[in-house]
Full PDB file with SEQRES, HELIX, SHEET, SSBOND, CRYST1, ORIGX, SCALE, CONECT and MASTER records, all heavy atoms in Angstrom:
SEQRES   1 A   35  ALA HIS LEU PRO ALA ALA GLY GLU MET VAL LEU PHE ASP          
SEQRES   2 A   35  ARG SER TRP TYR ASN ARG ALA GLY VAL GLU ARG VAL MET          
SEQRES   3 A   35  GLY PHE ALA THR ASP THR GLN VAL GLN                          
HELIX    1 AA1 TRP A   16  ASN A   18  5                                   3    
HELIX    2 AA2 VAL A   22  VAL A   25  1                                   4    
HELIX    3 AA3 ASP A   31  VAL A   34  1                                   4    
CRYST1    1.000    1.000    1.000  90.00  90.00  90.00 P 1           1          
ORIGX1      1.000000  0.000000  0.000000        0.00000                         
ORIGX2      0.000000  1.000000  0.000000        0.00000                         
ORIGX3      0.000000  0.000000  1.000000        0.00000                         
SCALE1      1.000000  0.000000  0.000000        0.00000                         
SCALE2      0.000000  1.000000  0.000000        0.00000                         
SCALE3      0.000000  0.000000  1.000000        0.00000                         
ATOM      1  N   ALA A   1      12.439  13.786  22.665  1.00  0.00           N  
ATOM      2  CA  ALA A   1      12.778  15.065  21.870  1.00  0.00           C  
ATOM      3  C   ALA A   1      14.082  14.845  21.163  1.00  0.00           C  
ATOM      4  O   ALA A   1      14.308  15.642  20.117  1.00  0.00           O  
ATOM      5  CB  ALA A   1      12.814  16.264  22.737  1.00  0.00           C  
ATOM      6  N   HIS A   2      15.034  14.000  21.568  1.00  0.00           N  
ATOM      7  CA  HIS A   2      16.294  13.857  20.946  1.00  0.00           C  
ATOM      8  C   HIS A   2      16.381  12.620  20.032  1.00  0.00           C  
ATOM      9  O   HIS A   2      17.419  12.369  19.514  1.00  0.00           O  
ATOM     10  CB  HIS A   2      17.412  13.764  22.022  1.00  0.00           C  
ATOM     11  CG  HIS A   2      17.435  15.068  22.829  1.00  0.00           C  
ATOM     12  ND1 HIS A   2      18.433  16.081  22.430  1.00  0.00           N  
ATOM     13  CD2 HIS A   2      16.866  15.501  23.933  1.00  0.00           C  
ATOM     14  CE1 HIS A   2      18.170  16.998  23.312  1.00  0.00           C  
ATOM     15  NE2 HIS A   2      17.366  16.707  24.278  1.00  0.00           N  
ATOM     16  N   LEU A   3      15.338  12.009  19.862  1.00  0.00           N  
ATOM     17  CA  LEU A   3      15.372  10.760  18.890  1.00  0.00           C  
ATOM     18  C   LEU A   3      15.538  11.202  17.448  1.00  0.00           C  
ATOM     19  O   LEU A   3      15.174  12.345  17.116  1.00  0.00           O  
ATOM     20  CB  LEU A   3      13.957  10.010  19.064  1.00  0.00           C  
ATOM     21  CG  LEU A   3      13.761   9.287  20.384  1.00  0.00           C  
ATOM     22  CD1 LEU A   3      12.322   8.769  20.454  1.00  0.00           C  
ATOM     23  CD2 LEU A   3      14.792   8.235  20.718  1.00  0.00           C  
ATOM     24  N   PRO A   4      16.119  10.381  16.766  1.00  0.00           N  
ATOM     25  CA  PRO A   4      16.551  10.716  15.381  1.00  0.00           C  
ATOM     26  C   PRO A   4      15.269  10.897  14.459  1.00  0.00           C  
ATOM     27  O   PRO A   4      14.330  10.143  14.499  1.00  0.00           O  
ATOM     28  CB  PRO A   4      17.408   9.527  14.914  1.00  0.00           C  
ATOM     29  CG  PRO A   4      16.981   8.392  15.703  1.00  0.00           C  
ATOM     30  CD  PRO A   4      16.525   8.948  17.019  1.00  0.00           C  
ATOM     31  N   ALA A   5      15.482  11.673  13.419  1.00  0.00           N  
ATOM     32  CA  ALA A   5      14.541  11.745  12.273  1.00  0.00           C  
ATOM     33  C   ALA A   5      15.137  10.849  11.202  1.00  0.00           C  
ATOM     34  O   ALA A   5      16.270  10.271  11.425  1.00  0.00           O  
ATOM     35  CB  ALA A   5      14.421  13.167  11.794  1.00  0.00           C  
ATOM     36  N   ALA A   6      14.491  10.732  10.022  1.00  0.00           N  
ATOM     37  CA  ALA A   6      14.985   9.831   8.990  1.00  0.00           C  
ATOM     38  C   ALA A   6      16.448  10.336   8.534  1.00  0.00           C  
ATOM     39  O   ALA A   6      16.652  11.530   8.405  1.00  0.00           O  
ATOM     40  CB  ALA A   6      14.027   9.993   7.870  1.00  0.00           C  
ATOM     41  N   GLY A   7      17.374   9.365   8.442  1.00  0.00           N  
ATOM     42  CA  GLY A   7      18.640   9.663   7.885  1.00  0.00           C  
ATOM     43  C   GLY A   7      19.657  10.130   9.091  1.00  0.00           C  
ATOM     44  O   GLY A   7      20.626  10.806   8.735  1.00  0.00           O  
ATOM     45  N   GLU A   8      19.257   9.852  10.218  1.00  0.00           N  
ATOM     46  CA  GLU A   8      20.125  10.252  11.352  1.00  0.00           C  
ATOM     47  C   GLU A   8      20.417   9.167  12.315  1.00  0.00           C  
ATOM     48  O   GLU A   8      19.722   8.171  12.440  1.00  0.00           O  
ATOM     49  CB  GLU A   8      19.359  11.363  12.198  1.00  0.00           C  
ATOM     50  CG  GLU A   8      19.169  12.663  11.460  1.00  0.00           C  
ATOM     51  CD  GLU A   8      18.437  13.676  12.407  1.00  0.00           C  
ATOM     52  OE1 GLU A   8      17.853  13.325  13.416  1.00  0.00           O  
ATOM     53  OE2 GLU A   8      18.262  14.782  11.844  1.00  0.00           O  
ATOM     54  N   MET A   9      21.611   9.320  13.034  1.00  0.00           N  
ATOM     55  CA  MET A   9      22.038   8.336  14.072  1.00  0.00           C  
ATOM     56  C   MET A   9      22.386   9.221  15.275  1.00  0.00           C  
ATOM     57  O   MET A   9      23.186  10.105  15.288  1.00  0.00           O  
ATOM     58  CB  MET A   9      23.245   7.458  13.738  1.00  0.00           C  
ATOM     59  CG  MET A   9      23.709   6.578  14.798  1.00  0.00           C  
ATOM     60  SD  MET A   9      24.797   5.262  14.288  1.00  0.00           S  
ATOM     61  CE  MET A   9      26.301   6.172  13.799  1.00  0.00           C  
ATOM     62  N   VAL A  10      21.725   8.943  16.403  1.00  0.00           N  
ATOM     63  CA  VAL A  10      21.965   9.640  17.671  1.00  0.00           C  
ATOM     64  C   VAL A  10      22.639   8.707  18.605  1.00  0.00           C  
ATOM     65  O   VAL A  10      22.204   7.626  18.897  1.00  0.00           O  
ATOM     66  CB  VAL A  10      20.584  10.052  18.218  1.00  0.00           C  
ATOM     67  CG1 VAL A  10      20.848  10.821  19.600  1.00  0.00           C  
ATOM     68  CG2 VAL A  10      19.792  11.031  17.284  1.00  0.00           C  
ATOM     69  N   LEU A  11      23.696   9.271  19.171  1.00  0.00           N  
ATOM     70  CA  LEU A  11      24.475   8.563  20.250  1.00  0.00           C  
ATOM     71  C   LEU A  11      24.106   9.109  21.596  1.00  0.00           C  
ATOM     72  O   LEU A  11      24.480  10.320  21.782  1.00  0.00           O  
ATOM     73  CB  LEU A  11      25.957   8.739  19.909  1.00  0.00           C  
ATOM     74  CG  LEU A  11      26.515   8.483  18.495  1.00  0.00           C  
ATOM     75  CD1 LEU A  11      27.955   8.784  18.389  1.00  0.00           C  
ATOM     76  CD2 LEU A  11      26.119   7.063  18.002  1.00  0.00           C  
ATOM     77  N   PHE A  12      23.444   8.321  22.430  1.00  0.00           N  
ATOM     78  CA  PHE A  12      23.085   8.869  23.728  1.00  0.00           C  
ATOM     79  C   PHE A  12      24.293   8.587  24.672  1.00  0.00           C  
ATOM     80  O   PHE A  12      24.556   7.453  25.029  1.00  0.00           O  
ATOM     81  CB  PHE A  12      21.851   8.141  24.269  1.00  0.00           C  
ATOM     82  CG  PHE A  12      20.567   8.783  23.759  1.00  0.00           C  
ATOM     83  CD1 PHE A  12      19.979   8.398  22.601  1.00  0.00           C  
ATOM     84  CD2 PHE A  12      19.993   9.805  24.472  1.00  0.00           C  
ATOM     85  CE1 PHE A  12      18.846   8.945  22.166  1.00  0.00           C  
ATOM     86  CE2 PHE A  12      18.872  10.441  23.992  1.00  0.00           C  
ATOM     87  CZ  PHE A  12      18.243  10.003  22.808  1.00  0.00           C  
ATOM     88  N   ASP A  13      24.960   9.694  25.162  1.00  0.00           N  
ATOM     89  CA  ASP A  13      25.975   9.623  26.134  1.00  0.00           C  
ATOM     90  C   ASP A  13      25.276   9.686  27.500  1.00  0.00           C  
ATOM     91  O   ASP A  13      25.050  10.833  28.020  1.00  0.00           O  
ATOM     92  CB  ASP A  13      26.948  10.759  25.958  1.00  0.00           C  
ATOM     93  CG  ASP A  13      28.220  10.627  26.952  1.00  0.00           C  
ATOM     94  OD1 ASP A  13      28.191   9.739  27.774  1.00  0.00           O  
ATOM     95  OD2 ASP A  13      29.068  11.504  26.809  1.00  0.00           O  
ATOM     96  N   ARG A  14      24.929   8.575  28.080  1.00  0.00           N  
ATOM     97  CA  ARG A  14      23.960   8.429  29.092  1.00  0.00           C  
ATOM     98  C   ARG A  14      22.579   8.640  28.560  1.00  0.00           C  
ATOM     99  O   ARG A  14      22.399   9.233  27.456  1.00  0.00           O  
ATOM    100  CB  ARG A  14      24.169   9.328  30.267  1.00  0.00           C  
ATOM    101  CG  ARG A  14      25.554   9.228  31.004  1.00  0.00           C  
ATOM    102  CD  ARG A  14      25.651   7.948  31.725  1.00  0.00           C  
ATOM    103  NE  ARG A  14      26.802   7.902  32.621  1.00  0.00           N  
ATOM    104  CZ  ARG A  14      27.219   6.908  33.348  1.00  0.00           C  
ATOM    105  NH1 ARG A  14      26.497   5.855  33.336  1.00  0.00           N  
ATOM    106  NH2 ARG A  14      28.295   6.945  34.068  1.00  0.00           N  
ATOM    107  N   SER A  15      21.526   7.950  29.151  1.00  0.00           N  
ATOM    108  CA  SER A  15      20.265   7.983  28.590  1.00  0.00           C  
ATOM    109  C   SER A  15      19.258   7.851  29.590  1.00  0.00           C  
ATOM    110  O   SER A  15      19.427   8.165  30.746  1.00  0.00           O  
ATOM    111  CB  SER A  15      20.250   6.787  27.566  1.00  0.00           C  
ATOM    112  OG  SER A  15      20.299   5.546  28.424  1.00  0.00           O  
ATOM    113  N   TRP A  16      18.014   7.323  29.229  1.00  0.00           N  
ATOM    114  CA  TRP A  16      16.955   7.135  30.105  1.00  0.00           C  
ATOM    115  C   TRP A  16      17.317   6.152  31.234  1.00  0.00           C  
ATOM    116  O   TRP A  16      16.636   6.006  32.247  1.00  0.00           O  
ATOM    117  CB  TRP A  16      15.664   6.686  29.414  1.00  0.00           C  
ATOM    118  CG  TRP A  16      15.838   5.673  28.387  1.00  0.00           C  
ATOM    119  CD1 TRP A  16      15.894   4.343  28.611  1.00  0.00           C  
ATOM    120  CD2 TRP A  16      15.984   5.817  26.987  1.00  0.00           C  
ATOM    121  NE1 TRP A  16      16.040   3.576  27.377  1.00  0.00           N  
ATOM    122  CE2 TRP A  16      15.997   4.548  26.355  1.00  0.00           C  
ATOM    123  CE3 TRP A  16      15.909   7.022  26.131  1.00  0.00           C  
ATOM    124  CZ2 TRP A  16      16.101   4.257  25.000  1.00  0.00           C  
ATOM    125  CZ3 TRP A  16      16.023   6.814  24.769  1.00  0.00           C  
ATOM    126  CH2 TRP A  16      16.160   5.576  24.248  1.00  0.00           C  
ATOM    127  N   TYR A  17      18.396   5.406  31.022  1.00  0.00           N  
ATOM    128  CA  TYR A  17      18.887   4.504  32.198  1.00  0.00           C  
ATOM    129  C   TYR A  17      19.453   5.181  33.280  1.00  0.00           C  
ATOM    130  O   TYR A  17      19.806   4.547  34.366  1.00  0.00           O  
ATOM    131  CB  TYR A  17      19.841   3.455  31.536  1.00  0.00           C  
ATOM    132  CG  TYR A  17      19.081   2.405  30.763  1.00  0.00           C  
ATOM    133  CD1 TYR A  17      19.012   2.480  29.320  1.00  0.00           C  
ATOM    134  CD2 TYR A  17      18.395   1.320  31.380  1.00  0.00           C  
ATOM    135  CE1 TYR A  17      18.339   1.495  28.629  1.00  0.00           C  
ATOM    136  CE2 TYR A  17      17.771   0.478  30.621  1.00  0.00           C  
ATOM    137  CZ  TYR A  17      17.725   0.577  29.239  1.00  0.00           C  
ATOM    138  OH  TYR A  17      16.943  -0.377  28.557  1.00  0.00           O  
ATOM    139  N   ASN A  18      19.514   6.511  33.313  1.00  0.00           N  
ATOM    140  CA  ASN A  18      19.932   7.233  34.555  1.00  0.00           C  
ATOM    141  C   ASN A  18      18.984   6.859  35.705  1.00  0.00           C  
ATOM    142  O   ASN A  18      19.452   6.852  36.863  1.00  0.00           O  
ATOM    143  CB  ASN A  18      19.844   8.773  34.312  1.00  0.00           C  
ATOM    144  CG  ASN A  18      21.032   9.276  33.592  1.00  0.00           C  
ATOM    145  OD1 ASN A  18      22.168   8.683  33.596  1.00  0.00           O  
ATOM    146  ND2 ASN A  18      20.943  10.451  32.895  1.00  0.00           N  
ATOM    147  N   ARG A  19      17.704   6.638  35.445  1.00  0.00           N  
ATOM    148  CA  ARG A  19      16.847   6.293  36.526  1.00  0.00           C  
ATOM    149  C   ARG A  19      17.136   5.057  37.207  1.00  0.00           C  
ATOM    150  O   ARG A  19      16.985   4.871  38.439  1.00  0.00           O  
ATOM    151  CB  ARG A  19      15.407   6.272  35.981  1.00  0.00           C  
ATOM    152  CG  ARG A  19      14.364   5.780  36.974  1.00  0.00           C  
ATOM    153  CD  ARG A  19      13.236   6.666  37.119  1.00  0.00           C  
ATOM    154  NE  ARG A  19      13.430   8.023  37.478  1.00  0.00           N  
ATOM    155  CZ  ARG A  19      12.483   9.033  37.535  1.00  0.00           C  
ATOM    156  NH1 ARG A  19      11.274   8.690  37.230  1.00  0.00           N  
ATOM    157  NH2 ARG A  19      12.870  10.262  37.862  1.00  0.00           N  
ATOM    158  N   ALA A  20      17.679   4.084  36.454  1.00  0.00           N  
ATOM    159  CA  ALA A  20      18.017   2.734  37.013  1.00  0.00           C  
ATOM    160  C   ALA A  20      19.460   2.759  37.648  1.00  0.00           C  
ATOM    161  O   ALA A  20      19.741   1.855  38.362  1.00  0.00           O  
ATOM    162  CB  ALA A  20      17.969   1.649  36.010  1.00  0.00           C  
ATOM    163  N   GLY A  21      20.175   3.836  37.395  1.00  0.00           N  
ATOM    164  CA  GLY A  21      21.535   3.872  37.895  1.00  0.00           C  
ATOM    165  C   GLY A  21      21.656   4.935  38.954  1.00  0.00           C  
ATOM    166  O   GLY A  21      21.394   4.869  40.084  1.00  0.00           O  
ATOM    167  N   VAL A  22      22.213   6.069  38.505  1.00  0.00           N  
ATOM    168  CA  VAL A  22      22.594   7.234  39.398  1.00  0.00           C  
ATOM    169  C   VAL A  22      21.468   7.715  40.168  1.00  0.00           C  
ATOM    170  O   VAL A  22      21.624   8.033  41.377  1.00  0.00           O  
ATOM    171  CB  VAL A  22      23.356   8.362  38.543  1.00  0.00           C  
ATOM    172  CG1 VAL A  22      22.433   8.986  37.585  1.00  0.00           C  
ATOM    173  CG2 VAL A  22      23.892   9.439  39.516  1.00  0.00           C  
ATOM    174  N   GLU A  23      20.212   7.887  39.500  1.00  0.00           N  
ATOM    175  CA  GLU A  23      19.116   8.361  40.220  1.00  0.00           C  
ATOM    176  C   GLU A  23      18.694   7.466  41.359  1.00  0.00           C  
ATOM    177  O   GLU A  23      18.299   7.871  42.440  1.00  0.00           O  
ATOM    178  CB  GLU A  23      17.916   8.693  39.286  1.00  0.00           C  
ATOM    179  CG  GLU A  23      18.143   9.803  38.352  1.00  0.00           C  
ATOM    180  CD  GLU A  23      16.926  10.187  37.515  1.00  0.00           C  
ATOM    181  OE1 GLU A  23      15.778   9.687  37.907  1.00  0.00           O  
ATOM    182  OE2 GLU A  23      17.100  10.772  36.473  1.00  0.00           O  
ATOM    183  N   ARG A  24      18.773   6.146  41.089  1.00  0.00           N  
ATOM    184  CA  ARG A  24      18.448   5.181  42.133  1.00  0.00           C  
ATOM    185  C   ARG A  24      19.433   5.117  43.267  1.00  0.00           C  
ATOM    186  O   ARG A  24      19.065   5.272  44.501  1.00  0.00           O  
ATOM    187  CB  ARG A  24      18.343   3.780  41.487  1.00  0.00           C  
ATOM    188  CG  ARG A  24      17.937   2.743  42.453  1.00  0.00           C  
ATOM    189  CD  ARG A  24      17.853   1.364  41.824  1.00  0.00           C  
ATOM    190  NE  ARG A  24      17.284   0.353  42.752  1.00  0.00           N  
ATOM    191  CZ  ARG A  24      17.049  -0.866  42.445  1.00  0.00           C  
ATOM    192  NH1 ARG A  24      17.411  -1.287  41.292  1.00  0.00           N  
ATOM    193  NH2 ARG A  24      16.597  -1.675  43.407  1.00  0.00           N  
ATOM    194  N   VAL A  25      20.718   5.084  42.908  1.00  0.00           N  
ATOM    195  CA  VAL A  25      21.773   4.928  43.941  1.00  0.00           C  
ATOM    196  C   VAL A  25      21.908   6.173  44.710  1.00  0.00           C  
ATOM    197  O   VAL A  25      22.110   6.038  45.955  1.00  0.00           O  
ATOM    198  CB  VAL A  25      23.100   4.538  43.251  1.00  0.00           C  
ATOM    199  CG1 VAL A  25      24.199   4.531  44.220  1.00  0.00           C  
ATOM    200  CG2 VAL A  25      22.999   3.199  42.551  1.00  0.00           C  
ATOM    201  N   MET A  26      21.731   7.310  44.069  1.00  0.00           N  
ATOM    202  CA  MET A  26      21.994   8.584  44.818  1.00  0.00           C  
ATOM    203  C   MET A  26      20.702   9.057  45.530  1.00  0.00           C  
ATOM    204  O   MET A  26      20.670  10.137  46.105  1.00  0.00           O  
ATOM    205  CB  MET A  26      22.534   9.573  43.830  1.00  0.00           C  
ATOM    206  CG  MET A  26      23.892   9.278  43.361  1.00  0.00           C  
ATOM    207  SD  MET A  26      25.142   8.782  44.566  1.00  0.00           S  
ATOM    208  CE  MET A  26      25.264  10.346  45.428  1.00  0.00           C  
ATOM    209  N   GLY A  27      19.566   8.331  45.410  1.00  0.00           N  
ATOM    210  CA  GLY A  27      18.376   8.671  46.043  1.00  0.00           C  
ATOM    211  C   GLY A  27      17.629   9.879  45.336  1.00  0.00           C  
ATOM    212  O   GLY A  27      16.746  10.498  45.949  1.00  0.00           O  
ATOM    213  N   PHE A  28      17.818  10.089  44.022  1.00  0.00           N  
ATOM    214  CA  PHE A  28      17.121  11.141  43.305  1.00  0.00           C  
ATOM    215  C   PHE A  28      15.825  10.677  42.738  1.00  0.00           C  
ATOM    216  O   PHE A  28      14.975  11.431  42.274  1.00  0.00           O  
ATOM    217  CB  PHE A  28      17.940  11.617  42.070  1.00  0.00           C  
ATOM    218  CG  PHE A  28      19.241  12.217  42.503  1.00  0.00           C  
ATOM    219  CD1 PHE A  28      20.385  12.106  41.679  1.00  0.00           C  
ATOM    220  CD2 PHE A  28      19.374  12.891  43.681  1.00  0.00           C  
ATOM    221  CE1 PHE A  28      21.598  12.626  42.034  1.00  0.00           C  
ATOM    222  CE2 PHE A  28      20.680  13.503  44.102  1.00  0.00           C  
ATOM    223  CZ  PHE A  28      21.675  13.331  43.250  1.00  0.00           C  
ATOM    224  N   ALA A  29      15.665   9.352  42.855  1.00  0.00           N  
ATOM    225  CA  ALA A  29      14.359   8.752  42.452  1.00  0.00           C  
ATOM    226  C   ALA A  29      13.908   7.835  43.537  1.00  0.00           C  
ATOM    227  O   ALA A  29      14.570   7.139  44.198  1.00  0.00           O  
ATOM    228  CB  ALA A  29      14.461   7.916  41.109  1.00  0.00           C  
ATOM    229  N   THR A  30      12.567   7.762  43.783  1.00  0.00           N  
ATOM    230  CA  THR A  30      12.033   6.905  44.831  1.00  0.00           C  
ATOM    231  C   THR A  30      11.975   5.433  44.298  1.00  0.00           C  
ATOM    232  O   THR A  30      12.024   5.206  43.054  1.00  0.00           O  
ATOM    233  CB  THR A  30      10.559   7.416  45.142  1.00  0.00           C  
ATOM    234  OG1 THR A  30       9.664   7.199  43.988  1.00  0.00           O  
ATOM    235  CG2 THR A  30      10.485   8.799  45.552  1.00  0.00           C  
ATOM    236  N   ASP A  31      11.808   4.546  45.212  1.00  0.00           N  
ATOM    237  CA  ASP A  31      11.610   3.181  44.848  1.00  0.00           C  
ATOM    238  C   ASP A  31      10.407   2.865  43.978  1.00  0.00           C  
ATOM    239  O   ASP A  31      10.484   2.144  42.956  1.00  0.00           O  
ATOM    240  CB  ASP A  31      11.490   2.267  46.138  1.00  0.00           C  
ATOM    241  CG  ASP A  31      12.777   2.150  46.890  1.00  0.00           C  
ATOM    242  OD1 ASP A  31      13.799   2.421  46.353  1.00  0.00           O  
ATOM    243  OD2 ASP A  31      12.620   1.718  48.092  1.00  0.00           O  
ATOM    244  N   THR A  32       9.348   3.604  44.190  1.00  0.00           N  
ATOM    245  CA  THR A  32       8.203   3.537  43.234  1.00  0.00           C  
ATOM    246  C   THR A  32       8.510   3.997  41.849  1.00  0.00           C  
ATOM    247  O   THR A  32       8.107   3.320  40.849  1.00  0.00           O  
ATOM    248  CB  THR A  32       7.018   4.402  43.852  1.00  0.00           C  
ATOM    249  OG1 THR A  32       6.659   3.935  45.195  1.00  0.00           O  
ATOM    250  CG2 THR A  32       5.879   4.354  42.887  1.00  0.00           C  
ATOM    251  N   GLN A  33       9.227   5.057  41.698  1.00  0.00           N  
ATOM    252  CA  GLN A  33       9.628   5.619  40.425  1.00  0.00           C  
ATOM    253  C   GLN A  33      10.609   4.567  39.747  1.00  0.00           C  
ATOM    254  O   GLN A  33      10.486   4.361  38.474  1.00  0.00           O  
ATOM    255  CB  GLN A  33      10.394   6.993  40.530  1.00  0.00           C  
ATOM    256  CG  GLN A  33       9.337   8.078  40.938  1.00  0.00           C  
ATOM    257  CD  GLN A  33      10.043   9.340  41.137  1.00  0.00           C  
ATOM    258  OE1 GLN A  33      11.200   9.408  41.817  1.00  0.00           O  
ATOM    259  NE2 GLN A  33       9.513  10.480  40.734  1.00  0.00           N  
ATOM    260  N   VAL A  34      11.506   4.070  40.500  1.00  0.00           N  
ATOM    261  CA  VAL A  34      12.458   3.022  39.794  1.00  0.00           C  
ATOM    262  C   VAL A  34      11.713   1.829  39.398  1.00  0.00           C  
ATOM    263  O   VAL A  34      11.954   1.272  38.258  1.00  0.00           O  
ATOM    264  CB  VAL A  34      13.555   2.683  40.871  1.00  0.00           C  
ATOM    265  CG1 VAL A  34      14.359   1.493  40.380  1.00  0.00           C  
ATOM    266  CG2 VAL A  34      14.476   3.870  41.183  1.00  0.00           C  
ATOM    267  N   GLN A  35      10.802   1.203  40.134  1.00  0.00           N  
ATOM    268  CA  GLN A  35      10.065   0.144  39.804  1.00  0.00           C  
ATOM    269  C   GLN A  35       9.170   0.379  38.612  1.00  0.00           C  
ATOM    270  O   GLN A  35       9.008  -0.472  37.711  1.00  0.00           O  
ATOM    271  CB  GLN A  35       9.238  -0.390  40.953  1.00  0.00           C  
ATOM    272  CG  GLN A  35      10.128  -0.936  42.079  1.00  0.00           C  
ATOM    273  CD  GLN A  35      11.137  -1.957  41.634  1.00  0.00           C  
ATOM    274  OE1 GLN A  35      10.925  -2.869  40.834  1.00  0.00           O  
ATOM    275  NE2 GLN A  35      12.445  -1.823  41.952  1.00  0.00           N  
TER     276      GLN A  35                                                      
MASTER        0    0    0    3    0    0    0    6  275    1    0    3          
END                                                                             
């Protein structure tokens, strides 16, 4: 929903990689979800 339309640049301050980082380390995501 936050991806750019034509003529835009979006800077993601953290992104979908939360799942591979904080969610994984802090146990907010299961091993199945991470894989």
